[in-house]
Amino acid sequence: MFTHVKTEAAFDFVAGDMRENITVNPDRLLTILTLGSAVGKQPKLVRITPSGHLLTLVVGAPRRVRH
């Protein structure tokens, strides 16, 4: 059972912050891959500390929309 759960960082799905992978590292940091979006939001690999601090590790190229 989980107790004392709180949100340390929030992502905006509508703005393109769609998460694809979440990894809990041995040092209790989270590594999260966001997909970006078709509206030009770039994919990112970010690290989140237990206090909620976000550190962007890598930024990818925006996805191209094919018509």
N, C-alpha and C. Protein backbone atom coordinates (compact mmCIF):
# COMPACT_ATOMS: atom_id res chain seq x y z
N MET A 1 0.83 -1.16 0.00
CA MET A 1 0.00 0.00 0.00
C MET A 1 0.89 1.25 0.00
N PHE A 2 0.49 2.25 -0.77
CA PHE A 2 1.23 3.51 -0.85
C PHE A 2 0.58 4.53 0.08
N THR A 3 1.40 5.29 0.78
CA THR A 3 0.90 6.38 1.60
C THR A 3 1.73 7.63 1.32
N HIS A 4 1.20 8.76 1.59
CA HIS A 4 1.88 10.05 1.43
C HIS A 4 2.35 10.26 -0.01
N VAL A 5 1.50 9.98 -0.97
CA VAL A 5 1.82 10.17 -2.39
C VAL A 5 1.57 11.62 -2.75
N LYS A 6 2.52 12.23 -3.47
CA LYS A 6 2.33 13.62 -3.92
C LYS A 6 2.92 13.78 -5.31
N THR A 7 2.44 14.77 -6.04
CA THR A 7 2.92 15.08 -7.38
C THR A 7 4.10 16.03 -7.27
N GLU A 8 5.23 15.65 -7.85
CA GLU A 8 6.42 16.51 -7.83
C GLU A 8 6.62 17.22 -9.16
N ALA A 9 6.14 16.65 -10.24
CA ALA A 9 6.26 17.26 -11.56
C ALA A 9 5.05 16.85 -12.39
N ALA A 10 4.52 17.78 -13.16
CA ALA A 10 3.36 17.50 -14.00
C ALA A 10 3.72 17.77 -15.46
N PHE A 11 3.13 16.98 -16.34
CA PHE A 11 3.35 17.13 -17.77
C PHE A 11 2.03 17.45 -18.42
N ASP A 12 2.05 18.26 -19.48
CA ASP A 12 0.85 18.70 -20.16
C ASP A 12 0.67 17.90 -21.45
N PHE A 13 -0.23 16.92 -21.41
CA PHE A 13 -0.48 16.06 -22.56
C PHE A 13 -0.93 16.87 -23.78
N VAL A 14 -1.80 17.84 -23.57
CA VAL A 14 -2.33 18.66 -24.67
C VAL A 14 -1.22 19.46 -25.35
N ALA A 15 -0.21 19.88 -24.59
CA ALA A 15 0.89 20.67 -25.14
C ALA A 15 1.97 19.80 -25.79
N GLY A 16 1.77 18.47 -25.78
CA GLY A 16 2.73 17.60 -26.43
C GLY A 16 3.69 16.88 -25.52
N ASP A 17 3.45 16.97 -24.21
CA ASP A 17 4.33 16.29 -23.26
C ASP A 17 3.86 14.86 -23.01
N MET A 18 3.71 14.08 -24.08
CA MET A 18 3.27 12.70 -23.95
C MET A 18 4.45 11.84 -23.53
N ARG A 19 4.30 11.16 -22.40
CA ARG A 19 5.37 10.32 -21.91
C ARG A 19 5.35 8.97 -22.61
N GLU A 20 6.52 8.48 -22.97
CA GLU A 20 6.62 7.17 -23.59
C GLU A 20 7.24 6.16 -22.63
N ASN A 21 8.33 6.52 -21.99
CA ASN A 21 9.01 5.63 -21.06
C ASN A 21 9.33 6.38 -19.78
N ILE A 22 9.19 5.66 -18.65
CA ILE A 22 9.57 6.21 -17.35
C ILE A 22 10.45 5.17 -16.67
N THR A 23 11.63 5.60 -16.22
CA THR A 23 12.56 4.70 -15.54
C THR A 23 12.89 5.27 -14.17
N VAL A 24 12.82 4.43 -13.15
CA VAL A 24 13.26 4.83 -11.81
C VAL A 24 14.70 4.36 -11.67
N ASN A 25 15.59 5.30 -11.45
CA ASN A 25 17.02 5.01 -11.34
C ASN A 25 17.37 4.61 -9.91
N PRO A 26 18.49 3.90 -9.71
CA PRO A 26 18.90 3.50 -8.35
C PRO A 26 19.07 4.68 -7.39
N ASP A 27 19.38 5.87 -7.93
CA ASP A 27 19.56 7.05 -7.07
C ASP A 27 18.25 7.79 -6.79
N ARG A 28 17.09 7.14 -7.09
CA ARG A 28 15.75 7.66 -6.87
C ARG A 28 15.34 8.75 -7.85
N LEU A 29 16.15 9.05 -8.84
CA LEU A 29 15.76 10.00 -9.87
C LEU A 29 14.95 9.27 -10.93
N LEU A 30 14.03 10.00 -11.57
CA LEU A 30 13.25 9.45 -12.68
C LEU A 30 13.84 9.94 -13.99
N THR A 31 13.89 9.07 -14.97
CA THR A 31 14.26 9.46 -16.33
C THR A 31 13.03 9.22 -17.19
N ILE A 32 12.59 10.26 -17.89
CA ILE A 32 11.35 10.20 -18.66
C ILE A 32 11.61 10.64 -20.09
N LEU A 33 11.08 9.87 -21.04
CA LEU A 33 11.14 10.22 -22.46
C LEU A 33 9.78 10.73 -22.87
N THR A 34 9.73 11.96 -23.39
CA THR A 34 8.48 12.50 -23.92
C THR A 34 8.52 12.40 -25.44
N LEU A 35 7.37 12.19 -26.06
CA LEU A 35 7.30 11.97 -27.50
C LEU A 35 7.32 13.24 -28.33
N GLY A 36 6.99 14.37 -27.76
CA GLY A 36 6.80 15.57 -28.57
C GLY A 36 5.40 15.51 -29.19
N SER A 37 5.16 16.28 -30.23
CA SER A 37 3.84 16.27 -30.84
C SER A 37 3.94 16.67 -32.30
N ALA A 38 2.83 16.52 -32.98
CA ALA A 38 2.77 16.88 -34.39
C ALA A 38 2.75 18.39 -34.60
N VAL A 39 2.61 19.17 -33.55
CA VAL A 39 2.55 20.62 -33.68
C VAL A 39 3.90 21.28 -33.42
N GLY A 40 4.98 20.51 -33.52
CA GLY A 40 6.31 21.09 -33.41
C GLY A 40 6.97 20.95 -32.06
N LYS A 41 6.32 20.34 -31.10
CA LYS A 41 6.94 20.13 -29.78
C LYS A 41 8.00 19.04 -29.93
N GLN A 42 9.19 19.31 -29.46
CA GLN A 42 10.31 18.39 -29.63
C GLN A 42 10.28 17.29 -28.57
N PRO A 43 10.68 16.06 -28.94
CA PRO A 43 10.81 15.02 -27.93
C PRO A 43 11.99 15.33 -27.01
N LYS A 44 11.89 14.90 -25.75
CA LYS A 44 12.96 15.19 -24.78
C LYS A 44 13.20 13.98 -23.89
N LEU A 45 14.40 13.90 -23.40
CA LEU A 45 14.75 12.98 -22.33
C LEU A 45 15.04 13.85 -21.12
N VAL A 46 14.25 13.70 -20.07
CA VAL A 46 14.39 14.55 -18.89
C VAL A 46 14.63 13.69 -17.66
N ARG A 47 15.27 14.29 -16.68
CA ARG A 47 15.50 13.64 -15.39
C ARG A 47 14.80 14.49 -14.34
N ILE A 48 14.12 13.80 -13.40
CA ILE A 48 13.37 14.49 -12.35
C ILE A 48 13.91 14.03 -11.00
N THR A 49 14.25 15.00 -10.15
CA THR A 49 14.74 14.70 -8.81
C THR A 49 13.55 14.44 -7.88
N PRO A 50 13.78 13.85 -6.71
CA PRO A 50 12.69 13.65 -5.74
C PRO A 50 12.01 14.95 -5.32
N SER A 51 12.70 16.07 -5.43
CA SER A 51 12.08 17.36 -5.07
C SER A 51 11.31 17.98 -6.24
N GLY A 52 11.34 17.35 -7.42
CA GLY A 52 10.57 17.85 -8.56
C GLY A 52 11.35 18.67 -9.56
N HIS A 53 12.65 18.84 -9.37
CA HIS A 53 13.47 19.61 -10.31
C HIS A 53 13.64 18.82 -11.61
N LEU A 54 13.35 19.47 -12.75
CA LEU A 54 13.50 18.84 -14.06
C LEU A 54 14.80 19.28 -14.71
N LEU A 55 15.53 18.33 -15.24
CA LEU A 55 16.77 18.59 -15.97
C LEU A 55 16.63 17.94 -17.34
N THR A 56 16.69 18.74 -18.40
CA THR A 56 16.61 18.20 -19.75
C THR A 56 17.98 17.65 -20.15
N LEU A 57 18.02 16.36 -20.48
CA LEU A 57 19.27 15.71 -20.86
C LEU A 57 19.51 15.78 -22.35
N VAL A 58 18.45 15.56 -23.14
CA VAL A 58 18.56 15.54 -24.60
C VAL A 58 17.26 16.08 -25.19
N VAL A 59 17.38 16.88 -26.26
CA VAL A 59 16.22 17.36 -27.01
C VAL A 59 16.35 16.85 -28.43
N GLY A 60 15.30 16.22 -28.92
CA GLY A 60 15.31 15.67 -30.27
C GLY A 60 14.74 16.63 -31.29
N ALA A 61 14.76 16.21 -32.55
CA ALA A 61 14.20 17.02 -33.64
C ALA A 61 12.69 16.88 -33.63
N PRO A 62 11.97 17.97 -33.96
CA PRO A 62 10.51 17.86 -34.01
C PRO A 62 10.08 16.87 -35.08
N ARG A 63 8.94 16.22 -34.84
CA ARG A 63 8.42 15.29 -35.82
C ARG A 63 7.89 16.03 -37.03
N ARG A 64 8.03 15.44 -38.17
CA ARG A 64 7.49 16.01 -39.39
C ARG A 64 6.10 15.43 -39.63
N VAL A 65 5.19 16.29 -40.05
CA VAL A 65 3.84 15.84 -40.35
C VAL A 65 3.78 15.51 -41.82
N ARG A 66 3.40 14.29 -42.14
CA ARG A 66 3.29 13.87 -43.54
C ARG A 66 1.86 14.02 -44.00
N HIS A 67 1.70 14.60 -45.17
CA HIS A 67 0.34 14.78 -45.73
C HIS A 67 0.14 13.83 -46.88
